[in-house]
Protein backbone atom coordinates (compact mmCIF):
# COMPACT_ATOMS: atom_id res chain seq x y z
CA MET A 1 -14.73 19.65 -1.71
CA ALA A 2 -14.51 16.33 0.11
CA ARG A 3 -17.12 15.44 2.69
CA PRO A 4 -17.42 12.85 5.49
CA GLY A 5 -17.63 9.34 4.11
CA ILE A 6 -15.57 6.64 2.42
CA SER A 7 -14.50 6.17 -1.17
CA VAL A 8 -13.72 2.51 -1.81
CA ILE A 9 -11.07 2.51 -4.52
CA LEU A 10 -11.18 -0.59 -6.72
CA CYS A 11 -8.61 -0.72 -9.51
CA THR A 12 -8.29 -3.70 -11.82
CA HIS A 13 -6.34 -4.97 -14.81
CA ASN A 14 -8.14 -7.85 -16.52
CA GLY A 15 -9.92 -8.76 -13.32
CA ALA A 16 -13.28 -9.67 -14.85
CA ALA A 17 -13.26 -13.18 -13.37
CA LYS A 18 -12.53 -11.92 -9.85
CA LEU A 19 -14.78 -8.87 -9.66
CA PRO A 20 -18.14 -10.56 -8.91
CA ALA A 21 -16.85 -12.04 -5.64
CA THR A 22 -15.21 -8.78 -4.58
CA LEU A 23 -18.35 -6.76 -5.32
CA ASN A 24 -20.46 -9.32 -3.48
CA TYR A 25 -18.48 -8.63 -0.32
CA LEU A 26 -18.91 -4.88 -0.82
CA ALA A 27 -22.66 -5.29 -1.30
CA ARG A 28 -22.86 -6.87 2.16
CA GLN A 29 -21.23 -3.95 3.96
CA ASN A 30 -23.25 -2.78 6.95
CA VAL A 31 -22.66 0.87 7.85
CA ASN A 32 -26.00 1.37 9.66
CA GLY A 33 -26.61 4.64 7.84
CA ARG A 34 -23.82 6.34 9.80
CA PHE A 35 -22.05 7.71 6.73
CA GLU A 36 -22.16 7.75 2.96
CA TRP A 37 -19.83 5.75 0.77
CA GLU A 38 -19.12 5.05 -2.88
CA ILE A 39 -17.12 2.74 -5.10
CA VAL A 40 -14.61 4.38 -7.42
CA PHE A 41 -13.82 1.73 -10.03
CA VAL A 42 -10.89 2.25 -12.39
CA ASP A 43 -10.21 -0.09 -15.28
CA ASN A 44 -6.46 -0.06 -15.83
CA ASN A 45 -5.94 -0.84 -19.51
CA SER A 46 -7.89 -4.11 -19.38
CA THR A 47 -8.50 -6.21 -22.46
CA ASP A 48 -11.30 -8.29 -20.93
CA ARG A 49 -14.84 -7.23 -19.99
CA SER A 50 -13.96 -5.82 -16.59
CA ILE A 51 -16.09 -2.70 -16.93
CA GLU A 52 -19.14 -4.60 -18.16
CA ILE A 53 -18.79 -7.22 -15.44
CA ALA A 54 -18.41 -4.62 -12.69
CA GLN A 55 -21.35 -2.58 -13.90
CA GLY A 56 -23.64 -5.57 -14.45
CA THR A 57 -22.74 -7.20 -11.14
CA TRP A 58 -23.36 -4.08 -9.07
CA GLN A 59 -26.70 -3.43 -10.76
CA GLN A 60 -27.89 -6.84 -9.58
CA TYR A 61 -27.70 -5.71 -5.97
CA ASN A 62 -29.94 -2.66 -6.48
CA SER A 63 -27.69 -0.85 -4.04
CA GLU A 64 -28.10 2.82 -3.24
CA VAL A 65 -24.30 3.02 -3.07
CA PRO A 66 -23.05 4.50 -6.36
CA LEU A 67 -20.45 2.78 -8.53
CA PHE A 68 -18.47 5.29 -10.57
CA ILE A 69 -16.50 3.82 -13.47
CA TYR A 70 -13.39 5.31 -15.05
CA LYS A 71 -10.72 4.08 -17.43
CA GLU A 72 -6.97 4.64 -17.16
CA ASN A 73 -5.00 3.60 -20.23
CA THR A 74 -1.51 3.96 -18.75
CA PRO A 75 -0.51 0.54 -17.39
CA GLY A 76 0.27 0.41 -13.68
CA LYS A 77 -1.87 0.52 -10.56
CA TYR A 78 -0.18 3.74 -9.46
CA TYR A 79 -1.65 5.61 -12.42
CA ALA A 80 -5.08 4.08 -11.93
CA PHE A 81 -4.94 5.02 -8.27
CA GLN A 82 -4.03 8.65 -9.05
CA LEU A 83 -7.16 8.88 -11.20
CA ALA A 84 -9.28 7.30 -8.48
CA ILE A 85 -8.02 9.73 -5.82
CA ALA A 86 -8.78 12.65 -8.13
CA LYS A 87 -12.34 11.39 -8.61
CA ALA A 88 -13.05 10.34 -5.01
CA SER A 89 -15.76 12.34 -3.27
CA TYR A 90 -15.15 11.59 0.41
CA ASP A 91 -12.62 12.39 3.11
CA PHE A 92 -11.49 8.80 3.61
CA PHE A 93 -10.55 6.10 1.14
CA ILE A 94 -10.04 2.35 1.39
CA ILE A 95 -8.07 0.33 -1.13
CA CYS A 96 -9.99 -2.72 -2.32
CA ASP A 97 -7.98 -5.01 -4.58
CA ASP A 98 -9.92 -7.01 -7.15
CA ASP A 99 -9.25 -10.23 -5.22
CA THR A 100 -10.19 -8.86 -1.80
CA GLY A 101 -13.36 -9.33 0.22
CA PHE A 102 -14.11 -7.12 3.22
CA GLN A 103 -15.85 -8.45 6.31
CA GLU A 104 -19.29 -6.85 6.73
CA ASP A 105 -18.17 -4.30 9.32
CA TYR A 106 -14.91 -3.33 7.61
CA LEU A 107 -16.01 0.09 6.37
CA ALA A 108 -17.80 0.95 9.61
CA ARG A 109 -14.75 0.07 11.73
CA ALA A 110 -12.37 1.96 9.45
CA PHE A 111 -14.59 5.05 9.48
CA HIS A 112 -14.78 5.05 13.28
CA LEU A 113 -11.02 4.59 13.61
CA LEU A 114 -10.08 7.43 11.26
CA THR A 115 -12.74 9.75 12.66
CA THR A 116 -11.79 9.31 16.30
CA HIS A 117 -8.01 9.22 15.81
CA PRO A 118 -6.88 12.14 13.62
CA GLU A 119 -3.22 11.26 14.22
CA ILE A 120 -3.62 8.02 12.24
CA GLY A 121 -2.41 8.50 8.69
CA ALA A 122 -3.32 4.99 7.56
CA ALA A 123 -4.80 1.85 9.09
CA GLY A 124 -4.72 -1.77 8.04
CA GLY A 125 -6.13 -5.06 9.19
CA ARG A 126 -5.85 -8.83 9.24
CA SER A 127 -6.02 -10.82 6.01
CA LEU A 128 -7.41 -14.35 5.84
CA LEU A 129 -6.64 -16.65 2.93
CA LYS A 130 -9.69 -17.76 0.95
CA LEU A 131 -9.14 -20.42 -1.69
CA PRO A 132 -11.37 -21.81 -4.43
CA GLU A 133 -13.19 -24.98 -3.44
CA GLY A 134 -10.94 -28.02 -3.73
CA THR A 135 -7.71 -26.01 -3.57
CA THR A 136 -5.24 -26.79 -0.79
CA VAL A 137 -2.73 -24.46 0.84
CA PRO A 138 0.84 -25.10 -0.38
CA GLY A 139 3.17 -26.42 2.29
CA TRP A 140 5.61 -23.55 1.77
CA LEU A 141 3.00 -20.84 2.46
CA PRO A 142 2.79 -19.77 6.14
CA ASP A 143 -0.31 -18.22 7.73
CA ASP A 144 1.38 -14.84 8.02
CA TYR A 145 3.10 -14.01 4.74
CA GLU A 146 3.53 -10.34 3.93
CA PRO A 147 4.52 -10.71 0.24
CA PHE A 148 1.06 -12.20 -0.37
CA ALA A 149 -0.66 -9.76 2.05
CA LEU A 150 -1.72 -12.61 4.33
CA GLY A 151 -2.17 -12.86 8.06
CA LYS A 152 -1.45 -10.34 10.80
CA GLN A 153 0.46 -7.13 10.19
CA ALA A 154 1.50 -6.76 13.84
CA ASP A 155 1.47 -8.77 17.06
CA GLN A 156 -1.53 -6.90 18.39
CA THR A 157 -3.86 -3.98 17.73
CA GLY A 158 -2.06 -0.67 18.04
CA TYR A 159 0.36 1.71 16.42
CA VAL A 160 2.81 0.14 14.00
CA PRO A 161 6.42 0.51 15.24
CA LEU A 162 8.74 2.73 13.22
CA LYS A 163 11.07 -0.22 12.80
CA LYS A 164 8.46 -1.87 10.57
CA GLY A 165 7.02 1.31 9.13
CA ARG A 166 4.57 -0.14 6.63
CA LEU A 167 1.17 -1.64 5.97
CA TRP A 168 0.18 -3.52 2.85
CA GLY A 169 -2.16 -1.95 0.34
CA ALA A 170 -5.00 -4.48 0.52
CA GLY A 171 -7.63 -2.94 2.77
CA LEU A 172 -5.54 0.13 3.58
CA ALA A 173 -7.71 2.93 4.98
CA SER A 174 -6.45 6.50 4.82
CA ARG A 175 -7.27 10.15 4.16
CA LYS A 176 -7.67 11.61 0.69
CA ASP A 177 -6.29 15.07 1.51
CA LEU A 178 -3.25 13.51 3.16
CA TYR A 179 -2.50 11.39 0.11
CA LYS A 180 -2.87 14.37 -2.23
CA LYS A 181 -0.59 16.46 -0.04
CA LEU A 182 2.14 13.82 0.12
CA TYR A 183 2.23 13.40 -3.66
CA ALA A 184 1.45 16.96 -4.78
CA ASP A 185 5.05 18.05 -5.30
CA LEU A 186 6.83 14.70 -5.34
CA PRO A 187 5.47 11.90 -7.56
CA SER A 188 6.34 8.33 -6.66
CA LEU A 189 10.08 7.78 -6.72
CA LEU A 190 9.45 4.20 -7.83
CA ILE A 191 8.67 5.62 -11.26
CA GLU A 192 12.38 6.30 -11.64
CA LEU A 193 13.25 2.60 -11.58
CA PRO A 194 13.66 0.93 -14.99
CA ASP A 195 11.60 -2.11 -13.95
CA LYS A 196 8.06 -0.73 -13.79
CA LYS A 197 6.85 -3.80 -11.89
CA ALA A 198 8.46 -2.21 -8.84
CA MET A 199 5.42 0.07 -8.70
CA ILE A 200 3.60 -2.67 -6.79
CA SER A 201 5.41 -1.33 -3.71
CA GLU A 202 3.65 2.02 -3.90
CA ASP A 203 1.74 1.19 -0.70
CA THR A 204 5.01 0.89 1.25
CA GLU A 205 6.20 4.18 -0.20
CA PHE A 206 2.96 5.88 0.86
CA CYS A 207 3.38 4.58 4.42
CA ALA A 208 6.95 5.90 4.51
CA ARG A 209 5.76 9.34 3.44
CA ILE A 210 3.09 9.30 6.14
CA ILE A 211 5.72 8.61 8.79
CA LEU A 212 8.07 11.29 7.46
CA SER A 213 5.23 13.80 7.52
CA GLY A 214 4.61 13.08 11.21
CA GLY A 215 1.64 10.71 10.85
CA LYS A 216 1.19 7.29 12.39
CA LEU A 217 0.28 3.85 11.07
CA TYR A 218 -2.23 1.68 12.92
CA TYR A 219 -3.03 -2.02 12.84
CA ASP A 220 -6.46 -3.25 13.96
CA GLU A 221 -6.90 -7.02 14.05
CA ASN A 222 -10.69 -6.48 13.97
CA LEU A 223 -10.42 -5.08 10.45
CA VAL A 224 -10.74 -8.41 8.69
CA LEU A 225 -10.55 -9.06 4.96
CA HIS A 226 -10.41 -12.18 2.82
CA HIS A 227 -7.66 -12.49 0.22
CA MET A 228 -9.04 -14.66 -2.56
CA LEU A 229 -6.02 -16.24 -4.23
CA ASP A 230 -6.38 -18.68 -7.10
CA SER A 231 -4.01 -21.47 -8.09
CA SER A 232 -2.04 -19.23 -10.46
CA LYS A 233 -0.86 -17.16 -7.50
CA LEU A 234 -0.06 -20.13 -5.25
CA THR A 235 3.12 -21.14 -7.04
CA THR A 236 6.77 -20.88 -6.12
CA ALA A 237 7.34 -19.15 -9.46
CA HIS A 238 4.94 -16.35 -8.50
CA ARG A 239 6.45 -16.19 -5.02
CA ASP A 240 9.97 -15.87 -6.43
CA GLU A 241 8.91 -13.21 -8.93
CA LEU A 242 7.40 -11.15 -6.12
CA GLN A 243 10.63 -11.46 -4.16
CA ARG A 244 12.59 -10.29 -7.19
CA ILE A 245 10.33 -7.29 -7.70
CA HIS A 246 10.52 -6.33 -4.04
CA GLY A 247 14.29 -6.52 -4.33
CA VAL A 248 14.16 -4.01 -7.17
CA SER A 249 11.85 -1.66 -5.28
CA ALA A 250 14.21 -1.83 -2.29
CA LEU A 251 16.59 0.40 -4.28
CA VAL A 252 14.13 3.20 -3.53
CA LEU A 253 12.44 1.99 -0.35
CA ASP A 254 15.73 1.53 1.50
CA ARG A 255 16.32 5.23 1.00
CA TYR A 256 13.04 6.04 2.67
CA ARG A 257 13.95 3.74 5.55
CA THR A 258 17.24 5.55 5.93
CA ALA A 259 15.44 8.90 6.01
CA ILE A 260 13.06 7.55 8.68
CA LYS A 261 15.98 6.28 10.75
CA VAL A 262 17.69 9.65 10.59
CA GLU A 263 14.52 11.60 11.39
CA SER A 264 13.65 9.34 14.33
CA GLN A 265 16.98 9.82 16.11
CA THR A 266 17.16 12.25 19.00
CA ASN A 267 20.72 13.08 18.02
CA LYS A 268 20.66 12.95 14.22
CA TRP A 269 24.28 13.97 13.80
CA LEU A 270 25.51 11.27 16.17
CA TYR A 271 23.53 8.71 14.21
CA LYS A 272 24.95 9.97 10.95
CA MET A 273 28.48 9.76 12.30
CA LYS A 274 27.83 6.16 13.37
CA ILE A 275 26.79 5.28 9.84
CA PHE A 276 29.63 7.30 8.34
CA PHE A 277 32.33 5.32 10.15
CA ILE A 278 30.79 1.88 10.61
CA THR A 279 29.01 1.45 7.31
CA PRO A 280 32.11 2.02 5.13
CA LEU A 281 33.89 -0.73 7.05
CA LYS A 282 30.99 -3.11 6.46
CA LEU A 283 30.96 -2.13 2.80
CA LEU A 284 34.69 -2.80 2.56
CA PHE A 285 34.76 -6.20 4.27
CA SER A 286 31.37 -7.69 3.44
CA ARG A 287 31.44 -10.57 0.98
CA ASN A 288 27.67 -10.62 0.57
CA LEU A 289 26.68 -8.68 -2.55
CA LYS A 290 23.22 -7.86 -1.19
CA SER A 291 24.76 -6.51 2.00
CA LYS A 292 27.21 -4.46 -0.01
CA ALA A 293 24.36 -2.90 -1.98
CA ARG A 294 22.43 -2.09 1.19
CA TYR A 295 25.43 -0.52 2.93
CA ARG A 296 26.15 1.51 -0.17
CA SER A 297 22.52 2.67 -0.18
CA LEU A 298 22.79 3.80 3.43
CA LEU A 299 25.90 5.81 2.69
CA GLN A 300 24.50 7.31 -0.46
CA TYR A 301 21.33 8.61 1.08
CA VAL A 302 22.55 9.69 4.48
CA TYR A 303 25.42 11.48 2.78
CA PRO A 304 24.19 12.16 -0.76
CA GLY A 305 27.27 14.26 -1.46
CA LEU A 306 29.44 11.17 -1.30
CA TYR A 307 27.83 9.80 -4.44
CA GLY A 308 26.93 13.06 -6.07
CA SER A 309 23.49 12.86 -7.64
CA ASP A 310 20.55 11.85 -5.47
CA HIS A 311 19.28 14.06 -2.65
CA ILE A 312 16.27 12.05 -1.60
CA ILE A 313 16.25 13.01 2.05
CA GLU A 314 16.32 16.69 1.16
CA ARG A 315 13.60 16.17 -1.44
CA ILE A 316 11.42 14.35 1.06
CA ARG A 317 11.89 17.03 3.70
CA THR A 318 11.15 19.81 1.25
CA CYS A 319 8.09 18.27 -0.39
CA ILE A 320 6.50 16.23 2.38
CA LYS A 321 7.19 18.10 5.59
CA LYS A 322 5.44 21.33 4.54
């Protein structure tokens, strides 16, 4: 049975070179003895010395905080994360990517936020870019850039509007029982996509499920983390690949957004009728292929009968809103 505290979930695939810096940040966490916490480390099919590096680095700090190490051989962070959730001991969890460094009060602030606001399903913070010495920021990279999990996630501290409806995974703080409930009867729908790289959007899917279950998302600009990107990530090639992958995942995520739009309307049937008449016209006359695909997605998942096979809204309602 889970108990009060935080499980920091750290999953990695060949992250041996990055882990010492990430663990150094975790070693500096100051919780003032207010709660217990642990690190749940999952090696996701690595071929480097990630486990040895993580274990050896943490031992150097002589920390009383335990580091539990597991191995998941199925490639994909989603599978590593499922194992971590199953092994986590505490009520709350925080996602710590292997290139992420938390400010010293990150855990303490997240614990206070989730403890005092039970309506919050997940909370996220502000991400600052940290580069290796001698590396300069590319001119094309803005301060706030969501694909790289950089900058602010909202204009100010507070609840995230439904229109946005997401937080990125780096530093995401949430509740273990909530996560287990939302995935108990309905595994990630991103698994159904042929391009398995689309699984990197599992954090957005989780946020959508929180909203559909009646929970809220919260942004706190005082939750500060450092995103440690190296030169291999600061390329237009990497940027473009991320955009391509997000485009693939949109085939599923757009369906969640449609479900959220429908559920958030006071008059759901009026909203559906609006889409039923207007969207077909847009689909018919639009010359933009991306727009055509999005309009078709709206039709398909507001009115699944029109296209026959997928009943995602019904599946979400049945499995998530229990």
